[in-house]
Amino acid sequence: MVPPRFVQVGGHAVATDSEGYLLDRAQWSEAFAQALASEEGLGLTPAHWEVIRFLRAYYDEHGVQPQVRVMIRQFTEIWGPGRGSNHALHALFPAGGPQKQGNRLAGLLRTKGEH
């Protein structure tokens, strides 16, 4: 078994798996997302936060992470076809797209099929 990795958040260590997914969803905070994004070299903009909040709300409502096509439909409606496209969402989250990097930053668990 791989030992946990830790992200420093406000002076305390938050445990994640080797890829940065929280081991305990209850430990998520915006400060965690900011710290993890910083470790991943990503500066969070209002657009990132909009996607992160959508991911969390969708999970809370449905009990699963949204598929990328659901995200594309959502953000195409809000931002228009250019900014809400698959390509644009992946550019926003360059380390695995919205379904990997977005889920990590939103404090959601690793999706099935991820290695």
C-alpha atoms as a PDB file:
ATOM      1  CA  MET A   1       0.000   0.000   0.000  1.00  0.00           C
ATOM      2  CA  VAL A   2       1.255   3.452  -0.938  1.00  0.00           C
ATOM      3  CA  PRO A   3       1.573   5.811   2.038  1.00  0.00           C
ATOM      4  CA  PRO A   4      -0.547   8.965   1.953  1.00  0.00           C
ATOM      5  CA  ARG A   5       0.763  12.239   0.657  1.00  0.00           C
ATOM      6  CA  PHE A   6       0.052  15.455   2.567  1.00  0.00           C
ATOM      7  CA  VAL A   7      -0.965  18.928   1.411  1.00  0.00           C
ATOM      8  CA  GLN A   8      -0.191  21.747   3.827  1.00  0.00           C
ATOM      9  CA  VAL A   9      -3.323  23.813   4.438  1.00  0.00           C
ATOM     10  CA  GLY A  10      -3.289  26.650   6.950  1.00  0.00           C
ATOM     11  CA  GLY A  11      -0.568  25.099   9.081  1.00  0.00           C
ATOM     12  CA  HIS A  12      -1.925  21.554   9.132  1.00  0.00           C
ATOM     13  CA  ALA A  13      -1.421  18.535   6.894  1.00  0.00           C
ATOM     14  CA  VAL A  14      -4.347  17.146   4.897  1.00  0.00           C
ATOM     15  CA  ALA A  15      -3.944  13.537   3.717  1.00  0.00           C
ATOM     16  CA  THR A  16      -4.367  12.673   0.044  1.00  0.00           C
ATOM     17  CA  ASP A  17      -3.543   9.670  -2.071  1.00  0.00           C
ATOM     18  CA  SER A  18      -0.433   9.690  -4.267  1.00  0.00           C
ATOM     19  CA  GLU A  19      -2.209  11.768  -6.941  1.00  0.00           C
ATOM     20  CA  GLY A  20      -3.687  14.384  -4.616  1.00  0.00           C
ATOM     21  CA  TYR A  21      -7.223  13.037  -4.174  1.00  0.00           C
ATOM     22  CA  LEU A  22      -8.494  13.577  -0.631  1.00  0.00           C
ATOM     23  CA  LEU A  23      -8.659  10.494   1.529  1.00  0.00           C
ATOM     24  CA  ASP A  24     -11.474  12.089   3.569  1.00  0.00           C
ATOM     25  CA  ARG A  25     -13.908  14.315   1.624  1.00  0.00           C
ATOM     26  CA  ALA A  26     -14.865  16.064   4.870  1.00  0.00           C
ATOM     27  CA  GLN A  27     -11.408  17.684   4.923  1.00  0.00           C
ATOM     28  CA  TRP A  28     -12.087  19.721   1.781  1.00  0.00           C
ATOM     29  CA  SER A  29     -11.983  23.493   2.001  1.00  0.00           C
ATOM     30  CA  GLU A  30     -11.353  26.303  -0.448  1.00  0.00           C
ATOM     31  CA  ALA A  31      -7.964  26.656   1.235  1.00  0.00           C
ATOM     32  CA  PHE A  32      -7.245  22.986   0.378  1.00  0.00           C
ATOM     33  CA  ALA A  33      -8.177  23.614  -3.274  1.00  0.00           C
ATOM     34  CA  GLN A  34      -5.930  26.679  -3.347  1.00  0.00           C
ATOM     35  CA  ALA A  35      -2.994  24.806  -1.752  1.00  0.00           C
ATOM     36  CA  LEU A  36      -3.322  21.807  -4.082  1.00  0.00           C
ATOM     37  CA  ALA A  37      -3.682  24.054  -7.138  1.00  0.00           C
ATOM     38  CA  SER A  38      -0.554  25.912  -6.084  1.00  0.00           C
ATOM     39  CA  GLU A  39       1.346  22.610  -5.777  1.00  0.00           C
ATOM     40  CA  GLU A  40       0.128  21.717  -9.279  1.00  0.00           C
ATOM     41  CA  GLY A  41       1.238  25.089 -10.670  1.00  0.00           C
ATOM     42  CA  LEU A  42      -2.302  26.281 -11.323  1.00  0.00           C
ATOM     43  CA  GLY A  43      -3.585  29.718 -10.383  1.00  0.00           C
ATOM     44  CA  LEU A  44      -7.315  29.541  -9.657  1.00  0.00           C
ATOM     45  CA  THR A  45      -9.419  32.114 -11.499  1.00  0.00           C
ATOM     46  CA  PRO A  46     -13.146  32.811 -11.070  1.00  0.00           C
ATOM     47  CA  ALA A  47     -13.766  30.346 -13.935  1.00  0.00           C
ATOM     48  CA  HIS A  48     -11.900  27.587 -12.057  1.00  0.00           C
ATOM     49  CA  TRP A  49     -13.952  28.274  -8.941  1.00  0.00           C
ATOM     50  CA  GLU A  50     -17.169  28.149 -10.956  1.00  0.00           C
ATOM     51  CA  VAL A  51     -16.252  24.682 -12.248  1.00  0.00           C
ATOM     52  CA  ILE A  52     -15.101  23.504  -8.792  1.00  0.00           C
ATOM     53  CA  ARG A  53     -18.354  24.678  -7.186  1.00  0.00           C
ATOM     54  CA  PHE A  54     -20.374  23.028  -9.973  1.00  0.00           C
ATOM     55  CA  LEU A  55     -18.527  19.732  -9.446  1.00  0.00           C
ATOM     56  CA  ARG A  56     -19.200  19.821  -5.707  1.00  0.00           C
ATOM     57  CA  ALA A  57     -22.874  20.777  -6.106  1.00  0.00           C
ATOM     58  CA  TYR A  58     -23.441  18.114  -8.762  1.00  0.00           C
ATOM     59  CA  TYR A  59     -21.855  15.467  -6.538  1.00  0.00           C
ATOM     60  CA  ASP A  60     -23.930  16.570  -3.544  1.00  0.00           C
ATOM     61  CA  GLU A  61     -27.121  16.360  -5.607  1.00  0.00           C
ATOM     62  CA  HIS A  62     -26.431  13.170  -7.601  1.00  0.00           C
ATOM     63  CA  GLY A  63     -23.884  11.231  -5.521  1.00  0.00           C
ATOM     64  CA  VAL A  64     -21.519  10.898  -8.499  1.00  0.00           C
ATOM     65  CA  GLN A  65     -19.156  13.155 -10.394  1.00  0.00           C
ATOM     66  CA  PRO A  66     -20.556  14.642 -13.600  1.00  0.00           C
ATOM     67  CA  GLN A  67     -19.369  13.244 -16.897  1.00  0.00           C
ATOM     68  CA  VAL A  68     -17.405  15.630 -19.098  1.00  0.00           C
ATOM     69  CA  ARG A  69     -20.359  15.918 -21.512  1.00  0.00           C
ATOM     70  CA  VAL A  70     -22.526  17.168 -18.627  1.00  0.00           C
ATOM     71  CA  MET A  71     -19.879  19.782 -17.811  1.00  0.00           C
ATOM     72  CA  ILE A  72     -19.651  20.821 -21.466  1.00  0.00           C
ATOM     73  CA  ARG A  73     -23.429  21.253 -21.661  1.00  0.00           C
ATOM     74  CA  GLN A  74     -23.479  23.252 -18.398  1.00  0.00           C
ATOM     75  CA  PHE A  75     -20.636  25.600 -19.243  1.00  0.00           C
ATOM     76  CA  THR A  76     -21.591  26.033 -22.902  1.00  0.00           C
ATOM     77  CA  GLU A  77     -24.952  27.345 -21.637  1.00  0.00           C
ATOM     78  CA  ILE A  78     -23.275  29.717 -19.176  1.00  0.00           C
ATOM     79  CA  TRP A  79     -20.119  30.780 -21.021  1.00  0.00           C
ATOM     80  CA  GLY A  80     -20.969  30.093 -24.660  1.00  0.00           C
ATOM     81  CA  PRO A  81     -19.667  27.422 -27.036  1.00  0.00           C
ATOM     82  CA  GLY A  82     -16.063  28.666 -27.133  1.00  0.00           C
ATOM     83  CA  ARG A  83     -15.355  28.892 -23.406  1.00  0.00           C
ATOM     84  CA  GLY A  84     -17.572  25.936 -22.467  1.00  0.00           C
ATOM     85  CA  SER A  85     -16.138  23.486 -24.980  1.00  0.00           C
ATOM     86  CA  ASN A  86     -14.275  20.297 -24.124  1.00  0.00           C
ATOM     87  CA  HIS A  87     -11.038  21.872 -25.350  1.00  0.00           C
ATOM     88  CA  ALA A  88     -11.543  25.002 -23.227  1.00  0.00           C
ATOM     89  CA  LEU A  89     -12.389  23.018 -20.079  1.00  0.00           C
ATOM     90  CA  HIS A  90      -9.275  20.882 -20.553  1.00  0.00           C
ATOM     91  CA  ALA A  91      -7.188  24.023 -21.070  1.00  0.00           C
ATOM     92  CA  LEU A  92      -8.578  25.372 -17.790  1.00  0.00           C
ATOM     93  CA  PHE A  93      -7.498  22.166 -15.989  1.00  0.00           C
ATOM     94  CA  PRO A  94      -4.359  21.099 -17.900  1.00  0.00           C
ATOM     95  CA  ALA A  95      -3.347  18.275 -15.518  1.00  0.00           C
ATOM     96  CA  GLY A  96      -6.029  15.746 -16.454  1.00  0.00           C
ATOM     97  CA  GLY A  97      -8.933  17.954 -17.461  1.00  0.00           C
ATOM     98  CA  PRO A  98     -11.967  18.849 -15.390  1.00  0.00           C
ATOM     99  CA  GLN A  99     -12.758  15.239 -14.542  1.00  0.00           C
ATOM    100  CA  LYS A 100      -9.353  14.530 -12.967  1.00  0.00           C
ATOM    101  CA  GLN A 101      -7.755  17.815 -11.924  1.00  0.00           C
ATOM    102  CA  GLY A 102     -11.139  19.448 -11.376  1.00  0.00           C
ATOM    103  CA  ASN A 103     -12.314  16.562  -9.192  1.00  0.00           C
ATOM    104  CA  ARG A 104      -9.078  16.629  -7.170  1.00  0.00           C
ATOM    105  CA  LEU A 105      -9.422  20.356  -6.527  1.00  0.00           C
ATOM    106  CA  ALA A 106     -13.120  19.954  -5.689  1.00  0.00           C
ATOM    107  CA  GLY A 107     -12.263  17.335  -3.078  1.00  0.00           C
ATOM    108  CA  LEU A 108     -14.076  14.558  -4.897  1.00  0.00           C
ATOM    109  CA  LEU A 109     -12.877  11.001  -4.959  1.00  0.00           C
ATOM    110  CA  ARG A 110     -11.005   9.351  -7.794  1.00  0.00           C
ATOM    111  CA  THR A 111     -13.441   8.281 -10.508  1.00  0.00           C
ATOM    112  CA  LYS A 112     -13.815   4.633 -11.482  1.00  0.00           C
ATOM    113  CA  GLY A 113     -11.296   3.521 -14.038  1.00  0.00           C
ATOM    114  CA  GLU A 114      -8.611   6.037 -13.022  1.00  0.00           C
ATOM    115  CA  HIS A 115      -5.187   4.607 -12.272  1.00  0.00           C
END
